Protein backbone atom coordinates (compact mmCIF):
# COMPACT_ATOMS: atom_id res chain seq x y z
CA MET A 1 -59.97 29.51 100.05
CA GLN A 2 -61.02 26.06 98.83
CA ARG A 3 -64.69 25.03 99.06
CA ILE A 4 -66.35 21.63 99.22
CA THR A 5 -70.03 20.75 99.10
CA ILE A 6 -71.27 18.57 101.95
CA HIS A 7 -74.47 16.80 102.94
CA PRO A 8 -76.11 18.15 106.12
CA SER A 9 -75.84 14.68 107.70
CA GLN A 10 -72.04 15.10 107.73
CA LEU A 11 -72.36 17.81 110.38
CA GLN A 12 -72.35 16.59 113.97
CA GLU A 13 -72.34 19.54 116.35
CA GLN A 14 -69.01 21.30 115.66
CA GLN A 15 -67.46 18.42 113.75
CA LEU A 16 -67.60 17.73 110.03
CA LEU A 17 -67.30 14.07 109.00
CA LEU A 18 -65.49 13.99 105.66
CA THR A 19 -66.21 11.31 103.07
CA PRO A 20 -63.28 9.29 101.66
CA GLN A 21 -63.55 11.29 98.42
CA GLN A 22 -63.41 14.59 100.30
CA GLN A 23 -60.47 13.38 102.37
CA HIS A 24 -58.61 12.45 99.18
CA TYR A 25 -59.39 15.82 97.60
CA LEU A 26 -58.33 17.88 100.61
CA LEU A 27 -55.33 15.81 101.72
CA ARG A 28 -53.95 14.40 98.46
CA VAL A 29 -55.09 16.76 95.71
CA LEU A 30 -54.99 20.09 97.58
CA ARG A 31 -52.32 18.87 100.04
CA LEU A 32 -53.90 20.61 103.01
CA ARG A 33 -52.37 19.97 106.41
CA ASP A 34 -53.66 19.92 109.96
CA GLY A 35 -54.82 23.39 110.90
CA ASP A 36 -55.42 24.54 107.31
CA LYS A 37 -58.82 26.12 106.69
CA PHE A 38 -61.41 25.52 103.99
CA ILE A 39 -65.08 26.34 103.45
CA ALA A 40 -67.82 23.73 103.71
CA MET A 41 -71.11 24.54 101.94
CA ASP A 42 -74.34 22.56 102.09
CA GLY A 43 -75.63 23.83 98.73
CA MET A 44 -78.75 25.16 100.43
CA GLY A 45 -77.50 28.56 101.56
CA LYS A 46 -75.07 27.86 104.40
CA TRP A 47 -71.26 28.13 104.49
CA TRP A 48 -68.97 27.21 107.38
CA LEU A 49 -65.35 28.17 107.90
CA THR A 50 -63.75 24.84 108.75
CA GLN A 51 -60.35 23.73 110.02
CA LEU A 52 -58.82 20.43 108.95
CA ILE A 53 -58.08 18.16 111.92
CA GLY A 54 -56.73 14.80 110.83
CA GLU A 55 -59.35 13.28 108.54
CA THR A 56 -62.22 15.41 109.87
CA GLY A 57 -63.13 19.09 109.96
CA GLU A 58 -63.74 21.34 112.93
CA ILE A 59 -66.38 24.02 112.40
CA ILE A 60 -65.02 27.44 113.35
CA GLU A 61 -67.91 29.73 112.40
CA LEU A 62 -70.97 30.16 110.19
CA LEU A 63 -70.26 32.54 107.32
CA GLN A 64 -72.61 35.10 105.78
CA VAL A 65 -72.88 34.68 102.02
CA LYS A 66 -74.48 37.21 99.68
CA THR A 67 -73.77 35.87 96.20
CA GLU A 68 -77.25 34.87 95.03
CA LEU A 69 -79.49 36.71 92.58
CA PRO A 70 -82.63 38.39 94.00
CA VAL A 71 -84.75 36.35 91.59
CA SER A 72 -85.32 32.61 91.27
CA ILE A 73 -84.67 31.44 87.69
CA THR A 74 -85.77 28.11 86.27
CA LEU A 75 -84.18 27.22 82.95
CA MET A 76 -86.35 24.90 80.89
CA MET A 77 -83.91 23.63 78.29
CA ALA A 78 -84.50 21.26 75.39
CA LEU A 79 -81.55 18.88 75.43
CA PRO A 80 -78.95 19.70 72.76
CA LYS A 81 -76.94 17.06 70.94
CA GLY A 82 -73.66 15.63 72.20
CA ASN A 83 -72.30 16.88 75.52
CA GLY A 84 -73.48 20.46 75.02
CA PHE A 85 -75.71 20.29 78.07
CA ASP A 86 -72.62 19.93 80.27
CA ASP A 87 -71.54 23.45 79.31
CA VAL A 88 -75.08 24.78 79.78
CA VAL A 89 -75.23 23.43 83.35
CA ARG A 90 -71.76 24.75 84.19
CA CYS A 91 -72.19 28.25 82.75
CA CYS A 92 -75.75 28.79 83.95
CA THR A 93 -74.78 27.71 87.45
CA GLU A 94 -72.06 30.37 87.42
CA LEU A 95 -74.63 32.93 86.24
CA GLY A 96 -77.04 32.21 89.09
CA VAL A 97 -79.69 29.78 87.81
CA THR A 98 -81.82 28.22 90.56
CA CYS A 99 -83.23 25.17 88.79
CA ILE A 100 -82.60 23.46 85.46
CA LEU A 101 -85.33 21.36 83.88
CA PRO A 102 -84.14 19.34 80.86
CA VAL A 103 -86.96 18.66 78.41
CA LEU A 104 -87.44 16.32 75.46
CA SER A 105 -88.84 18.26 72.50
CA ASP A 106 -89.86 17.20 69.01
CA ARG A 107 -86.34 17.93 67.73
CA THR A 108 -84.43 16.48 70.68
CA LEU A 109 -81.98 13.87 69.43
CA ILE A 110 -80.93 12.19 72.69
CA ASN A 111 -82.60 10.38 75.57
CA PRO A 112 -80.19 10.75 78.50
CA SER A 113 -79.38 7.97 80.96
CA SER A 114 -79.42 8.23 84.74
CA GLN A 115 -75.61 8.49 84.59
CA LYS A 116 -75.98 11.70 82.60
CA LEU A 117 -78.26 13.17 85.26
CA GLU A 118 -75.74 12.36 87.98
CA ARG A 119 -72.99 13.92 85.86
CA TRP A 120 -74.98 17.15 85.44
CA ARG A 121 -75.62 17.33 89.19
CA ARG A 122 -71.91 16.86 89.86
CA ILE A 123 -71.04 19.59 87.35
CA ALA A 124 -73.55 21.94 89.03
CA SER A 125 -72.02 21.24 92.44
CA GLU A 126 -68.48 21.88 91.19
CA ALA A 127 -69.53 25.07 89.37
CA ALA A 128 -71.32 26.33 92.48
CA GLU A 129 -68.14 25.80 94.51
CA GLN A 130 -66.01 27.58 91.91
CA SER A 131 -68.33 30.57 91.55
CA GLU A 132 -68.88 30.90 95.31
CA ARG A 133 -72.60 30.25 95.11
CA ALA A 134 -74.54 29.77 98.32
CA PHE A 135 -76.90 27.32 96.60
CA VAL A 136 -76.29 24.42 94.24
CA PRO A 137 -78.92 24.52 91.46
CA THR A 138 -81.45 21.74 91.34
CA ILE A 139 -81.15 19.57 88.21
CA LEU A 140 -84.46 17.81 87.60
CA GLU A 141 -85.02 14.61 85.67
CA PRO A 142 -85.76 15.13 81.95
CA VAL A 143 -89.45 15.17 81.01
CA ALA A 144 -91.47 15.71 77.84
CA PHE A 145 -91.92 19.36 76.87
CA SER A 146 -95.72 19.06 77.15
CA THR A 147 -95.37 17.68 80.68
CA ALA A 148 -93.05 20.51 81.70
CA LEU A 149 -95.52 23.11 80.38
CA SER A 150 -98.40 21.65 82.35
CA GLU A 151 -96.43 21.78 85.61
CA CYS A 152 -95.32 25.43 85.31
CA LYS A 153 -97.32 27.70 87.61
CA VAL A 154 -94.99 30.73 87.80
CA ASN A 155 -96.49 34.02 86.59
CA HIS A 156 -93.46 35.19 84.58
CA ARG A 157 -92.91 32.60 81.86
CA TYR A 158 -90.90 33.25 78.71
CA ILE A 159 -90.07 31.09 75.72
CA CYS A 160 -87.19 32.17 73.47
CA GLU A 161 -87.83 32.05 69.74
CA ALA A 162 -85.17 32.93 67.18
CA ARG A 163 -87.55 33.81 64.35
CA GLY A 164 -90.62 36.02 64.46
CA ASP A 165 -91.46 39.55 65.56
CA TYR A 166 -91.25 39.18 69.33
CA PRO A 167 -90.07 41.67 71.99
CA HIS A 168 -86.49 41.40 73.21
CA LEU A 169 -86.16 39.66 76.57
CA LYS A 170 -84.53 42.72 78.15
CA LYS A 171 -87.64 44.81 77.33
CA VAL A 172 -89.99 42.55 79.28
CA LEU A 173 -87.80 42.36 82.39
CA ASN A 174 -88.53 45.85 83.69
CA ASN A 175 -89.98 44.56 86.94
CA CYS A 176 -88.06 41.54 88.18
CA SER A 177 -90.34 38.99 89.75
CA ASP A 178 -89.46 36.61 92.55
CA GLU A 179 -89.62 33.76 90.04
CA ILE A 180 -88.93 33.51 86.33
CA ILE A 181 -89.07 30.56 83.94
CA ILE A 182 -87.16 30.83 80.66
CA ALA A 183 -87.53 28.13 77.99
CA ILE A 184 -84.82 27.52 75.38
CA GLY A 185 -85.22 25.23 72.37
CA PRO A 186 -82.90 22.65 70.77
CA GLU A 187 -80.93 22.84 67.54
CA GLY A 188 -83.40 23.97 64.90
CA GLY A 189 -85.60 25.66 67.49
CA TRP A 190 -89.11 24.88 68.66
CA THR A 191 -91.66 23.54 66.21
CA ASP A 192 -94.66 25.73 65.39
CA GLN A 193 -96.88 23.36 67.35
CA GLU A 194 -94.64 23.50 70.43
CA LEU A 195 -94.59 27.30 70.33
CA GLU A 196 -98.36 27.39 70.00
CA ILE A 197 -98.85 25.05 72.97
CA ALA A 198 -96.41 27.10 75.07
CA ILE A 199 -98.28 30.33 74.32
CA LYS A 200 -101.58 28.67 75.29
CA SER A 201 -99.88 27.58 78.53
CA GLY A 202 -99.08 31.19 79.43
CA PHE A 203 -95.55 31.56 78.04
CA GLN A 204 -94.66 34.86 76.38
CA PRO A 205 -92.47 34.49 73.27
CA VAL A 206 -89.33 36.65 73.41
CA SER A 207 -86.27 37.30 71.28
CA LEU A 208 -82.60 37.20 72.29
CA GLY A 209 -81.54 39.42 69.40
CA ARG A 210 -81.40 39.47 65.62
CA ARG A 211 -78.79 36.76 65.27
CA ILE A 212 -79.40 33.01 65.36
CA LEU A 213 -77.67 31.63 68.45
CA ARG A 214 -76.47 28.09 69.01
CA ALA A 215 -78.61 26.03 71.36
CA VAL A 216 -75.86 26.07 74.01
CA THR A 217 -75.26 29.83 73.62
CA ALA A 218 -78.88 30.97 74.00
CA PRO A 219 -79.33 30.02 77.69
CA ILE A 220 -76.09 31.80 78.61
CA VAL A 221 -77.31 34.97 76.87
CA ALA A 222 -80.74 34.71 78.53
CA LEU A 223 -79.31 34.18 82.02
CA SER A 224 -76.85 37.05 81.51
CA LEU A 225 -79.67 39.41 80.53
CA ILE A 226 -81.76 38.44 83.55
CA ALA A 227 -78.82 38.76 85.94
CA ALA A 228 -77.78 42.14 84.49
CA THR A 229 -81.34 43.45 84.85
CA CYS A 230 -82.16 42.09 88.31
CA GLU A 231 -78.86 42.18 90.16
CA VAL A 232 -78.10 45.40 92.02
């Protein structure tokens, strides 16, 4: 059944007010007709079974959704070159990430525009619909790596480092916490100074294996390991 993400303000009692874009998608792209059903999700944990009536929706019932991981995961990701971050947002949303914090590191090559941020949020919303998530991940505005470190207060903080004798991520995930932050570097990895500052800020360096992964591959591997360990 098709799903669309709505804003809570679109709900008025048992009626769903569809935006022009949603009307076009449901009526023209999907070719739904009066009486056809779809799922409306607010991206904050609620789904409603909805029936199309003209250019509006009629709420039939609130649905119970159990698709989220039992752990909240924040991905702190140094922005890769090109459009690689698009794939990171899409795949990590499918894998269950809660929040994505783009950071500007010493080796970051781009400084994204506000249009990029809106694009990433749209990708996250579409990926959440496709993967039947109850929540749409929060995509924060990019900040400097040092700023991101100073704002992290979660107990379980990990920074992935491709080189060095560090424990594998799966070995430090024995007891899944309520919240985890995982930091992934850009092409070329973190600088020695960045790694040192992260360790002083309470981040534990971890490995994702013996091979050198691409910047856009590493977060997918990290999220997969966390999900495989924590999901029952």
